[in-house]
Amino acid sequence: MTKVSIGIPVYNVEKYLRECLDSITNQTFKNFEAIIVDDGSTDNYFVICQEYVAKDNRFKLIHQENKGLAGARNTCLKYMKGEYVTWVDSDDVVDNNYLERLLETQEKTGADIVRCVRKYIRDGNVYFVKGYEEGFINEDGVFDLSLEAALKSAFDNYFGSLEFWGELVPRKLYKGVALSRGVTLEDQGNKFKLYLQSKKNVMLLEQLYSYRLHNESIMSKREDSANLEDSLSDLQTQVYNWNKLMYYVDIANYNVEEMRETYMKKLDKLPSEINLSEEDFKIYCEKVSRYTKKLKHFWNM
C-alpha cells in the first residue's frame, strides 16, 4: 500500500517546477506517489512533468481546465491512494528528509496532523528563521497544537499552521471535505475543516519546507497591493472565510462565544494592518465598522 500521497497543483511555474520535483524525487522515504495536477497552465510545464512521469512511475500527471488552486487540490484528492496526504506547492522545495521526519513524528506522537516549520527561498538564497522555537513550549522539538489555537490561527496564522502544505494528514480526514473554489486564501477558508475532525495536532519544530517568495506568487501580488479596491476585496474574502469558520464552529458547538470574541478582536485590528491614503483609510474603517455592528446585532453581543 502507498504510504503517502503528495499533491502538487501546477499553474505556470515552469521556472521553479524542476527544483520542486527534484526535491520530491530525492526523498529519503521512498513509498510515496506524487499526483501532479495541471490547472490549465499555458507555459512549458508539460515537457518537464512528462520527463518525471516517464522515468518514475510514482509520478502521475492529470490535466484539467483552470479551476484555481482549490479546484486543483480537489482533483488531487480524487486520485490519491496513500494512507497519508501531504502538499507541496509547485514553486516550493522540501528537504530530502521531509517525509521521513513527518512520518517519524506521527508515529512517535500519534497525531492526526503533523506540521513542520517553513524557511524561505528568495532569488536563489535560502533564509532560515532564527529564534522561532522560543515562542513554543515543546518537548524534544515537538509542539502540541491545541484545537483552539489551530482554529484561531485562521484569523492571524500566529502559529503558521493555516496552510495545507508542509504537513502530513491521514487521507481519511479529507473524506467528505471539498475545498471551496472561486476565492483566494483558500487555506484560510478550508483548513479548519480538518482541525475540527482531528483529535491531536503537533508541530515539528524543524524547517523542512522551503516557501518561495517571488513576484509571480499569489501572496506577493496581494502584499504588493496598497489601494482601496484591493483592500476591500481582501476584506470581503477574509470575512467570507471567517464567516464560514464560524458557521462550522456553531455546528460543532465548539467554544462559540470565545471564537466570536476572537473574530471581533480581529476585525478591530484590521485597519492597523493596511497602508492606505487618509481618505481611503476612512472608507475602509467605515466598512469594517458597519460589518462589526452587523455581526454583533446578529449574535446579540
C-alpha atoms as a PDB file:
ATOM      1  CA  MET A   1       0.000   0.000   0.000  1.00  0.00           C
ATOM      2  CA  THR A   2       1.191   3.514  -0.805  1.00  0.00           C
ATOM      3  CA  LYS A   3       2.094   5.277   2.419  1.00  0.00           C
ATOM      4  CA  VAL A   4       1.999   8.939   1.351  1.00  0.00           C
ATOM      5  CA  SER A   5       0.250  10.786  -1.467  1.00  0.00           C
ATOM      6  CA  ILE A   6       1.917  14.063  -2.401  1.00  0.00           C
ATOM      7  CA  GLY A   7      -0.381  16.599  -4.070  1.00  0.00           C
ATOM      8  CA  ILE A   8       1.306  19.078  -6.438  1.00  0.00           C
ATOM      9  CA  PRO A   9      -1.010  21.650  -8.050  1.00  0.00           C
ATOM     10  CA  VAL A  10       0.734  23.226 -11.063  1.00  0.00           C
ATOM     11  CA  TYR A  11      -0.059  26.508 -12.782  1.00  0.00           C
ATOM     12  CA  ASN A  12       2.516  28.421 -14.864  1.00  0.00           C
ATOM     13  CA  VAL A  13       5.559  27.758 -12.692  1.00  0.00           C
ATOM     14  CA  GLU A  14       7.905  26.379 -15.336  1.00  0.00           C
ATOM     15  CA  LYS A  15      10.765  28.419 -13.883  1.00  0.00           C
ATOM     16  CA  TYR A  16      10.626  26.663 -10.497  1.00  0.00           C
ATOM     17  CA  LEU A  17       8.974  23.317 -11.248  1.00  0.00           C
ATOM     18  CA  ARG A  18      12.059  21.199 -11.836  1.00  0.00           C
ATOM     19  CA  GLU A  19      13.590  22.182  -8.485  1.00  0.00           C
ATOM     20  CA  CYS A  20      10.337  21.272  -6.753  1.00  0.00           C
ATOM     21  CA  LEU A  21      10.033  17.861  -8.422  1.00  0.00           C
ATOM     22  CA  ASP A  22      13.723  17.068  -7.803  1.00  0.00           C
ATOM     23  CA  SER A  23      13.229  17.679  -4.092  1.00  0.00           C
ATOM     24  CA  ILE A  24      10.397  15.128  -4.123  1.00  0.00           C
ATOM     25  CA  THR A  25      12.353  12.585  -6.163  1.00  0.00           C
ATOM     26  CA  ASN A  26      15.225  12.827  -3.665  1.00  0.00           C
ATOM     27  CA  GLN A  27      13.137  11.957  -0.603  1.00  0.00           C
ATOM     28  CA  THR A  28      14.823   9.511   1.782  1.00  0.00           C
ATOM     29  CA  PHE A  29      11.382   7.916   2.329  1.00  0.00           C
ATOM     30  CA  LYS A  30      10.509   6.164  -0.923  1.00  0.00           C
ATOM     31  CA  ASN A  31       6.989   4.769  -0.528  1.00  0.00           C
ATOM     32  CA  PHE A  32       5.010   7.656  -1.989  1.00  0.00           C
ATOM     33  CA  GLU A  33       3.025   8.707  -5.035  1.00  0.00           C
ATOM     34  CA  ALA A  34       3.180  12.217  -6.469  1.00  0.00           C
ATOM     35  CA  ILE A  35      -0.076  13.464  -8.027  1.00  0.00           C
ATOM     36  CA  ILE A  36       0.615  16.431 -10.310  1.00  0.00           C
ATOM     37  CA  VAL A  37      -2.487  18.329 -11.410  1.00  0.00           C
ATOM     38  CA  ASP A  38      -2.006  20.803 -14.235  1.00  0.00           C
ATOM     39  CA  ASP A  39      -4.584  23.519 -13.634  1.00  0.00           C
ATOM     40  CA  GLY A  40      -4.712  24.843 -17.195  1.00  0.00           C
ATOM     41  CA  SER A  41      -1.094  26.000 -17.448  1.00  0.00           C
ATOM     42  CA  THR A  42      -0.004  27.890 -20.555  1.00  0.00           C
ATOM     43  CA  ASP A  43       3.790  27.641 -20.130  1.00  0.00           C
ATOM     44  CA  ASN A  44       6.132  24.737 -20.972  1.00  0.00           C
ATOM     45  CA  TYR A  45       5.420  22.810 -17.783  1.00  0.00           C
ATOM     46  CA  PHE A  46       4.296  19.738 -19.804  1.00  0.00           C
ATOM     47  CA  VAL A  47       7.766  18.758 -21.074  1.00  0.00           C
ATOM     48  CA  ILE A  48       9.145  18.931 -17.536  1.00  0.00           C
ATOM     49  CA  CYS A  49       6.307  16.916 -15.996  1.00  0.00           C
ATOM     50  CA  GLN A  50       6.436  14.259 -18.713  1.00  0.00           C
ATOM     51  CA  GLU A  51      10.136  13.780 -18.029  1.00  0.00           C
ATOM     52  CA  TYR A  52       9.451  12.879 -14.393  1.00  0.00           C
ATOM     53  CA  VAL A  53       6.421  10.724 -15.206  1.00  0.00           C
ATOM     54  CA  ALA A  54       8.455   8.792 -17.812  1.00  0.00           C
ATOM     55  CA  LYS A  55      11.363   7.981 -15.526  1.00  0.00           C
ATOM     56  CA  ASP A  56       9.493   7.440 -12.226  1.00  0.00           C
ATOM     57  CA  ASN A  57       6.176   5.587 -12.072  1.00  0.00           C
ATOM     58  CA  ARG A  58       5.409   7.177  -8.695  1.00  0.00           C
ATOM     59  CA  PHE A  59       4.639  10.423 -10.560  1.00  0.00           C
ATOM     60  CA  LYS A  60       1.224  10.829 -12.192  1.00  0.00           C
ATOM     61  CA  LEU A  61       0.095  13.797 -14.306  1.00  0.00           C
ATOM     62  CA  ILE A  62      -3.529  14.943 -14.644  1.00  0.00           C
ATOM     63  CA  HIS A  63      -4.741  17.810 -16.845  1.00  0.00           C
ATOM     64  CA  GLN A  64      -7.784  19.987 -16.304  1.00  0.00           C
ATOM     65  CA  GLU A  65      -9.195  23.348 -17.282  1.00  0.00           C
ATOM     66  CA  ASN A  66      -8.293  26.127 -14.882  1.00  0.00           C
ATOM     67  CA  LYS A  67     -10.256  25.729 -11.647  1.00  0.00           C
ATOM     68  CA  GLY A  68      -7.968  27.625  -9.285  1.00  0.00           C
ATOM     69  CA  LEU A  69      -5.783  26.226  -6.516  1.00  0.00           C
ATOM     70  CA  ALA A  70      -8.687  24.812  -4.507  1.00  0.00           C
ATOM     71  CA  GLY A  71     -10.041  23.078  -7.603  1.00  0.00           C
ATOM     72  CA  ALA A  72      -6.616  21.584  -8.322  1.00  0.00           C
ATOM     73  CA  ARG A  73      -6.368  20.263  -4.762  1.00  0.00           C
ATOM     74  CA  ASN A  74      -9.832  18.702  -5.060  1.00  0.00           C
ATOM     75  CA  THR A  75      -8.692  16.876  -8.197  1.00  0.00           C
ATOM     76  CA  CYS A  76      -5.537  15.677  -6.449  1.00  0.00           C
ATOM     77  CA  LEU A  77      -7.674  14.224  -3.663  1.00  0.00           C
ATOM     78  CA  LYS A  78      -9.790  12.282  -6.174  1.00  0.00           C
ATOM     79  CA  TYR A  79      -6.743  10.366  -7.420  1.00  0.00           C
ATOM     80  CA  MET A  80      -4.838   9.902  -4.154  1.00  0.00           C
ATOM     81  CA  LYS A  81      -4.491   6.383  -2.748  1.00  0.00           C
ATOM     82  CA  GLY A  82      -1.987   6.851   0.075  1.00  0.00           C
ATOM     83  CA  GLU A  83      -2.607   6.384   3.772  1.00  0.00           C
ATOM     84  CA  TYR A  84      -1.417   9.952   4.351  1.00  0.00           C
ATOM     85  CA  VAL A  85      -1.641  13.154   2.353  1.00  0.00           C
ATOM     86  CA  THR A  86       0.853  15.988   2.073  1.00  0.00           C
ATOM     87  CA  TRP A  87       1.009  19.005  -0.251  1.00  0.00           C
ATOM     88  CA  VAL A  88       3.961  20.642  -1.949  1.00  0.00           C
ATOM     89  CA  ASP A  89       3.247  23.777  -3.955  1.00  0.00           C
ATOM     90  CA  SER A  90       4.958  23.625  -7.336  1.00  0.00           C
ATOM     91  CA  ASP A  91       7.202  26.647  -6.759  1.00  0.00           C
ATOM     92  CA  ASP A  92       8.388  25.392  -3.354  1.00  0.00           C
ATOM     93  CA  VAL A  93      11.023  22.883  -2.228  1.00  0.00           C
ATOM     94  CA  VAL A  94      11.167  20.291   0.552  1.00  0.00           C
ATOM     95  CA  ASP A  95      14.214  18.892   2.338  1.00  0.00           C
ATOM     96  CA  ASN A  96      15.269  15.356   1.439  1.00  0.00           C
ATOM     97  CA  ASN A  97      14.061  14.043   4.825  1.00  0.00           C
ATOM     98  CA  TYR A  98      10.750  15.935   4.746  1.00  0.00           C
ATOM     99  CA  LEU A  99       8.544  12.819   4.530  1.00  0.00           C
ATOM    100  CA  GLU A 100      10.771  10.754   6.791  1.00  0.00           C
ATOM    101  CA  ARG A 101      10.681  13.258   9.657  1.00  0.00           C
ATOM    102  CA  LEU A 102       6.927  13.900   9.380  1.00  0.00           C
ATOM    103  CA  LEU A 103       6.217  10.168   9.458  1.00  0.00           C
ATOM    104  CA  GLU A 104       8.588   9.597  12.371  1.00  0.00           C
ATOM    105  CA  THR A 105       6.856  12.359  14.317  1.00  0.00           C
ATOM    106  CA  GLN A 106       3.428  10.928  13.535  1.00  0.00           C
ATOM    107  CA  GLU A 107       4.484   7.504  14.757  1.00  0.00           C
ATOM    108  CA  LYS A 108       6.025   8.981  17.907  1.00  0.00           C
ATOM    109  CA  THR A 109       3.090  11.252  18.830  1.00  0.00           C
ATOM    110  CA  GLY A 110       0.065   9.538  17.284  1.00  0.00           C
ATOM    111  CA  ALA A 111      -1.061  12.936  15.969  1.00  0.00           C
ATOM    112  CA  ASP A 112      -3.580  13.301  13.164  1.00  0.00           C
ATOM    113  CA  ILE A 113      -1.996  16.446  11.757  1.00  0.00           C
ATOM    114  CA  VAL A 114       1.784  16.863  11.832  1.00  0.00           C
ATOM    115  CA  ARG A 115       3.195  20.183  10.600  1.00  0.00           C
ATOM    116  CA  CYS A 116       6.762  21.292  10.120  1.00  0.00           C
ATOM    117  CA  VAL A 117       8.163  24.831  10.098  1.00  0.00           C
ATOM    118  CA  ARG A 118       8.909  26.764   6.922  1.00  0.00           C
ATOM    119  CA  LYS A 119      12.002  28.554   5.765  1.00  0.00           C
ATOM    120  CA  TYR A 120      12.163  30.859   2.752  1.00  0.00           C
ATOM    121  CA  ILE A 121      13.728  30.980  -0.700  1.00  0.00           C
ATOM    122  CA  ARG A 122      14.218  34.299  -2.463  1.00  0.00           C
ATOM    123  CA  ASP A 123      16.362  34.960  -5.534  1.00  0.00           C
ATOM    124  CA  GLY A 124      18.037  31.570  -5.130  1.00  0.00           C
ATOM    125  CA  ASN A 125      19.001  32.144  -1.492  1.00  0.00           C
ATOM    126  CA  VAL A 126      17.631  30.155   1.464  1.00  0.00           C
ATOM    127  CA  TYR A 127      16.671  32.084   4.593  1.00  0.00           C
ATOM    128  CA  PHE A 128      16.244  30.219   7.873  1.00  0.00           C
ATOM    129  CA  VAL A 129      14.013  31.633  10.605  1.00  0.00           C
ATOM    130  CA  LYS A 130      16.039  32.176  13.773  1.00  0.00           C
ATOM    131  CA  GLY A 131      14.720  32.071  17.324  1.00  0.00           C
ATOM    132  CA  TYR A 132      11.239  30.819  16.402  1.00  0.00           C
ATOM    133  CA  GLU A 133      11.498  27.949  18.899  1.00  0.00           C
ATOM    134  CA  GLU A 134      11.340  30.432  21.774  1.00  0.00           C
ATOM    135  CA  GLY A 135       7.660  31.015  21.053  1.00  0.00           C
ATOM    136  CA  PHE A 136       6.756  27.346  21.518  1.00  0.00           C
ATOM    137  CA  ILE A 137       6.569  25.265  24.670  1.00  0.00           C
ATOM    138  CA  ASN A 138       7.819  21.973  23.327  1.00  0.00           C
ATOM    139  CA  GLU A 139       9.243  18.593  24.236  1.00  0.00           C
ATOM    140  CA  ASP A 140      12.061  17.219  22.062  1.00  0.00           C
ATOM    141  CA  GLY A 141      11.272  19.750  19.356  1.00  0.00           C
ATOM    142  CA  VAL A 142       7.569  18.859  19.074  1.00  0.00           C
ATOM    143  CA  PHE A 143       4.845  21.381  19.970  1.00  0.00           C
ATOM    144  CA  ASP A 144       1.295  20.278  20.837  1.00  0.00           C
ATOM    145  CA  LEU A 145      -1.051  22.478  18.808  1.00  0.00           C
ATOM    146  CA  SER A 146      -4.434  22.615  20.541  1.00  0.00           C
ATOM    147  CA  LEU A 147      -7.651  22.694  18.561  1.00  0.00           C
ATOM    148  CA  GLU A 148      -8.371  26.140  19.984  1.00  0.00           C
ATOM    149  CA  ALA A 149      -5.028  27.533  18.791  1.00  0.00           C
ATOM    150  CA  ALA A 150      -5.403  25.854  15.401  1.00  0.00           C
ATOM    151  CA  LEU A 151      -8.858  27.343  14.801  1.00  0.00           C
ATOM    152  CA  LYS A 152      -7.840  30.807  15.979  1.00  0.00           C
ATOM    153  CA  SER A 153      -4.930  30.610  13.588  1.00  0.00           C
ATOM    154  CA  ALA A 154      -7.489  31.155  10.809  1.00  0.00           C
ATOM    155  CA  PHE A 155      -7.611  34.795  11.945  1.00  0.00           C
ATOM    156  CA  ASP A 156      -3.900  35.630  12.133  1.00  0.00           C
ATOM    157  CA  ASN A 157      -1.882  32.459  11.364  1.00  0.00           C
ATOM    158  CA  TYR A 158       0.130  33.130  14.517  1.00  0.00           C
ATOM    159  CA  PHE A 159       1.452  29.565  14.688  1.00  0.00           C
ATOM    160  CA  GLY A 160       1.999  29.226  10.946  1.00  0.00           C
ATOM    161  CA  SER A 161      -0.494  26.364  10.901  1.00  0.00           C
ATOM    162  CA  LEU A 162      -3.018  27.719   8.422  1.00  0.00           C
ATOM    163  CA  GLU A 163      -1.643  26.391   5.135  1.00  0.00           C
ATOM    164  CA  PHE A 164      -2.251  22.939   3.670  1.00  0.00           C
ATOM    165  CA  TRP A 165       1.343  22.489   2.526  1.00  0.00           C
ATOM    166  CA  GLY A 166       4.095  21.459   4.919  1.00  0.00           C
ATOM    167  CA  GLU A 167       2.166  18.850   6.852  1.00  0.00           C
ATOM    168  CA  LEU A 168       1.115  15.215   6.988  1.00  0.00           C
ATOM    169  CA  VAL A 169      -2.573  14.279   7.393  1.00  0.00           C
ATOM    170  CA  PRO A 170      -4.374  10.892   7.236  1.00  0.00           C
ATOM    171  CA  ARG A 171      -6.285  10.731   3.949  1.00  0.00           C
ATOM    172  CA  LYS A 172      -9.391   9.613   5.853  1.00  0.00           C
ATOM    173  CA  LEU A 173      -9.544  13.085   7.428  1.00  0.00           C
ATOM    174  CA  TYR A 174     -10.234  14.508   3.962  1.00  0.00           C
ATOM    175  CA  LYS A 175     -13.250  12.250   3.450  1.00  0.00           C
ATOM    176  CA  GLY A 176     -16.230  14.447   2.612  1.00  0.00           C
ATOM    177  CA  VAL A 177     -14.067  17.573   2.520  1.00  0.00           C
ATOM    178  CA  ALA A 178     -14.276  19.698  -0.624  1.00  0.00           C
ATOM    179  CA  LEU A 179     -12.199  22.862  -0.819  1.00  0.00           C
ATOM    180  CA  SER A 180     -14.224  25.946  -1.719  1.00  0.00           C
ATOM    181  CA  ARG A 181     -13.407  27.284  -5.174  1.00  0.00           C
ATOM    182  CA  GLY A 182     -13.533  30.786  -6.569  1.00  0.00           C
ATOM    183  CA  VAL A 183     -11.889  32.674  -3.696  1.00  0.00           C
ATOM    184  CA  THR A 184      -8.302  33.471  -2.792  1.00  0.00           C
ATOM    185  CA  LEU A 185      -6.901  32.462   0.610  1.00  0.00           C
ATOM    186  CA  GLU A 186      -8.420  29.010   0.164  1.00  0.00           C
ATOM    187  CA  ASP A 187      -6.349  27.736   3.104  1.00  0.00           C
ATOM    188  CA  GLN A 188      -7.993  30.224   5.450  1.00  0.00           C
ATOM    189  CA  GLY A 189     -11.433  29.184   4.268  1.00  0.00           C
ATOM    190  CA  ASN A 190     -10.937  25.409   4.377  1.00  0.00           C
ATOM    191  CA  LYS A 191      -8.158  24.270   6.697  1.00  0.00           C
ATOM    192  CA  PHE A 192     -10.324  24.416   9.822  1.00  0.00           C
ATOM    193  CA  LYS A 193     -12.442  21.576   8.380  1.00  0.00           C
ATOM    194  CA  LEU A 194      -9.534  19.220   9.028  1.00  0.00           C
ATOM    195  CA  TYR A 195      -8.819  20.564  12.503  1.00  0.00           C
ATOM    196  CA  LEU A 196     -12.430  20.080  13.593  1.00  0.00           C
ATOM    197  CA  GLN A 197     -12.103  16.376  12.706  1.00  0.00           C
ATOM    198  CA  SER A 198      -8.676  15.852  14.258  1.00  0.00           C
ATOM    199  CA  LYS A 199      -8.008  14.576  17.769  1.00  0.00           C
ATOM    200  CA  LYS A 200      -4.370  15.625  18.116  1.00  0.00           C
ATOM    201  CA  ASN A 201      -2.196  18.109  16.217  1.00  0.00           C
ATOM    202  CA  VAL A 202       1.515  18.772  16.571  1.00  0.00           C
ATOM    203  CA  MET A 203       4.198  20.928  15.035  1.00  0.00           C
ATOM    204  CA  LEU A 204       7.650  19.518  14.401  1.00  0.00           C
ATOM    205  CA  LEU A 205       9.944  22.478  15.011  1.00  0.00           C
ATOM    206  CA  GLU A 206      12.248  21.711  12.100  1.00  0.00           C
ATOM    207  CA  GLN A 207      12.443  23.876   8.987  1.00  0.00           C
ATOM    208  CA  LEU A 208      11.841  21.189   6.369  1.00  0.00           C
ATOM    209  CA  TYR A 209       9.690  23.150   3.897  1.00  0.00           C
ATOM    210  CA  SER A 210      11.106  25.978   1.783  1.00  0.00           C
ATOM    211  CA  TYR A 211       8.460  28.525   0.810  1.00  0.00           C
ATOM    212  CA  ARG A 212       9.458  30.528  -2.240  1.00  0.00           C
ATOM    213  CA  LEU A 213       8.949  34.291  -2.343  1.00  0.00           C
ATOM    214  CA  HIS A 214       8.718  35.712  -5.850  1.00  0.00           C
ATOM    215  CA  ASN A 215       6.795  38.392  -7.708  1.00  0.00           C
ATOM    216  CA  GLU A 216       4.509  35.957  -9.534  1.00  0.00           C
ATOM    217  CA  SER A 217       3.152  34.277  -6.406  1.00  0.00           C
ATOM    218  CA  ILE A 218      -0.408  34.904  -5.245  1.00  0.00           C
ATOM    219  CA  MET A 219       0.719  36.119  -1.830  1.00  0.00           C
ATOM    220  CA  SER A 220       3.307  38.523  -3.264  1.00  0.00           C
ATOM    221  CA  LYS A 221       0.701  40.077  -5.531  1.00  0.00           C
ATOM    222  CA  ARG A 222      -1.616  40.574  -2.560  1.00  0.00           C
ATOM    223  CA  GLU A 223       1.086  42.034  -0.321  1.00  0.00           C
ATOM    224  CA  ASP A 224       2.212  44.474  -3.018  1.00  0.00           C
ATOM    225  CA  SER A 225      -1.325  45.799  -3.288  1.00  0.00           C
ATOM    226  CA  ALA A 226      -1.932  49.112  -1.492  1.00  0.00           C
ATOM    227  CA  ASN A 227      -5.146  50.506  -2.962  1.00  0.00           C
ATOM    228  CA  LEU A 228      -8.673  50.728  -1.663  1.00  0.00           C
ATOM    229  CA  GLU A 229     -10.266  48.431  -4.237  1.00  0.00           C
ATOM    230  CA  ASP A 230      -7.879  45.556  -3.496  1.00  0.00           C
ATOM    231  CA  SER A 231      -8.049  46.151   0.263  1.00  0.00           C
ATOM    232  CA  LEU A 232     -11.850  45.965   0.211  1.00  0.00           C
ATOM    233  CA  SER A 233     -11.689  42.858  -1.983  1.00  0.00           C
ATOM    234  CA  ASP A 234      -9.344  41.223   0.540  1.00  0.00           C
ATOM    235  CA  LEU A 235     -11.680  42.239   3.357  1.00  0.00           C
ATOM    236  CA  GLN A 236     -14.628  40.647   1.555  1.00  0.00           C
ATOM    237  CA  THR A 237     -12.678  37.412   1.034  1.00  0.00           C
ATOM    238  CA  GLN A 238     -11.467  37.263   4.623  1.00  0.00           C
ATOM    239  CA  VAL A 239     -14.934  37.935   6.029  1.00  0.00           C
ATOM    240  CA  TYR A 240     -16.369  35.222   3.773  1.00  0.00           C
ATOM    241  CA  ASN A 241     -13.791  32.728   5.038  1.00  0.00           C
ATOM    242  CA  TRP A 242     -14.168  33.722   8.687  1.00  0.00           C
ATOM    243  CA  ASN A 243     -17.957  33.524   8.500  1.00  0.00           C
ATOM    244  CA  LYS A 244     -17.644  30.033   7.099  1.00  0.00           C
ATOM    245  CA  LEU A 245     -15.361  29.108  10.011  1.00  0.00           C
ATOM    246  CA  MET A 246     -17.897  30.495  12.496  1.00  0.00           C
ATOM    247  CA  TYR A 247     -20.674  28.514  10.811  1.00  0.00           C
ATOM    248  CA  TYR A 248     -18.719  25.289  11.373  1.00  0.00           C
ATOM    249  CA  VAL A 249     -17.835  26.331  14.928  1.00  0.00           C
ATOM    250  CA  ASP A 250     -21.538  26.849  15.643  1.00  0.00           C
ATOM    251  CA  ILE A 251     -22.419  23.434  14.221  1.00  0.00           C
ATOM    252  CA  ALA A 252     -19.657  21.776  16.261  1.00  0.00           C
ATOM    253  CA  ASN A 253     -20.684  23.877  19.289  1.00  0.00           C
ATOM    254  CA  TYR A 254     -17.020  24.487  19.978  1.00  0.00           C
ATOM    255  CA  ASN A 255     -16.143  27.477  22.224  1.00  0.00           C
ATOM    256  CA  VAL A 256     -18.654  29.555  20.287  1.00  0.00           C
ATOM    257  CA  GLU A 257     -18.589  32.682  22.485  1.00  0.00           C
ATOM    258  CA  GLU A 258     -14.809  32.721  22.726  1.00  0.00           C
ATOM    259  CA  MET A 259     -14.398  32.275  18.973  1.00  0.00           C
ATOM    260  CA  ARG A 260     -16.820  35.138  18.347  1.00  0.00           C
ATOM    261  CA  GLU A 261     -14.808  37.384  20.655  1.00  0.00           C
ATOM    262  CA  THR A 262     -11.635  36.451  18.775  1.00  0.00           C
ATOM    263  CA  TYR A 263     -13.342  37.318  15.486  1.00  0.00           C
ATOM    264  CA  MET A 264     -14.443  40.717  16.837  1.00  0.00           C
ATOM    265  CA  LYS A 265     -10.919  41.498  18.046  1.00  0.00           C
ATOM    266  CA  LYS A 266      -9.520  40.605  14.639  1.00  0.00           C
ATOM    267  CA  LEU A 267     -11.970  42.943  12.915  1.00  0.00           C
ATOM    268  CA  ASP A 268     -10.927  45.719  15.300  1.00  0.00           C
ATOM    269  CA  LYS A 269      -7.274  45.156  14.373  1.00  0.00           C
ATOM    270  CA  LEU A 270      -7.755  45.050  10.602  1.00  0.00           C
ATOM    271  CA  PRO A 271      -7.377  48.820   9.969  1.00  0.00           C
ATOM    272  CA  SER A 272      -3.921  48.806  11.570  1.00  0.00           C
ATOM    273  CA  GLU A 273      -2.790  46.127   9.113  1.00  0.00           C
ATOM    274  CA  ILE A 274      -3.303  48.112   5.911  1.00  0.00           C
ATOM    275  CA  ASN A 275      -1.459  51.004   4.277  1.00  0.00           C
ATOM    276  CA  LEU A 276      -3.888  53.386   2.567  1.00  0.00           C
ATOM    277  CA  SER A 277      -4.243  57.101   1.983  1.00  0.00           C
ATOM    278  CA  GLU A 278      -6.104  59.018   4.676  1.00  0.00           C
ATOM    279  CA  GLU A 279      -9.280  59.246   2.602  1.00  0.00           C
ATOM    280  CA  ASP A 280      -9.243  55.569   1.599  1.00  0.00           C
ATOM    281  CA  PHE A 281      -8.408  54.569   5.169  1.00  0.00           C
ATOM    282  CA  LYS A 282     -11.626  56.241   6.383  1.00  0.00           C
ATOM    283  CA  ILE A 283     -13.703  54.366   3.816  1.00  0.00           C
ATOM    284  CA  TYR A 284     -12.069  51.075   4.816  1.00  0.00           C
ATOM    285  CA  CYS A 285     -12.645  51.703   8.535  1.00  0.00           C
ATOM    286  CA  GLU A 286     -16.297  52.568   7.930  1.00  0.00           C
ATOM    287  CA  LYS A 287     -16.737  49.320   6.011  1.00  0.00           C
ATOM    288  CA  VAL A 288     -15.200  47.307   8.872  1.00  0.00           C
ATOM    289  CA  SER A 289     -17.251  49.189  11.468  1.00  0.00           C
ATOM    290  CA  ARG A 290     -20.537  48.566   9.655  1.00  0.00           C
ATOM    291  CA  TYR A 291     -19.798  44.890   9.339  1.00  0.00           C
ATOM    292  CA  THR A 292     -18.763  44.582  13.001  1.00  0.00           C
ATOM    293  CA  LYS A 293     -22.049  46.164  14.119  1.00  0.00           C
ATOM    294  CA  LYS A 294     -23.963  43.808  11.830  1.00  0.00           C
ATOM    295  CA  LEU A 295     -22.295  40.758  13.384  1.00  0.00           C
ATOM    296  CA  LYS A 296     -22.816  41.981  16.950  1.00  0.00           C
ATOM    297  CA  HIS A 297     -26.509  42.523  16.225  1.00  0.00           C
ATOM    298  CA  PHE A 298     -26.842  39.082  14.637  1.00  0.00           C
ATOM    299  CA  TRP A 299     -25.113  37.426  17.609  1.00  0.00           C
ATOM    300  CA  ASN A 300     -26.833  39.615  20.245  1.00  0.00           C
ATOM    301  CA  MET A 301     -23.467  40.736  21.567  1.00  0.00           C
END
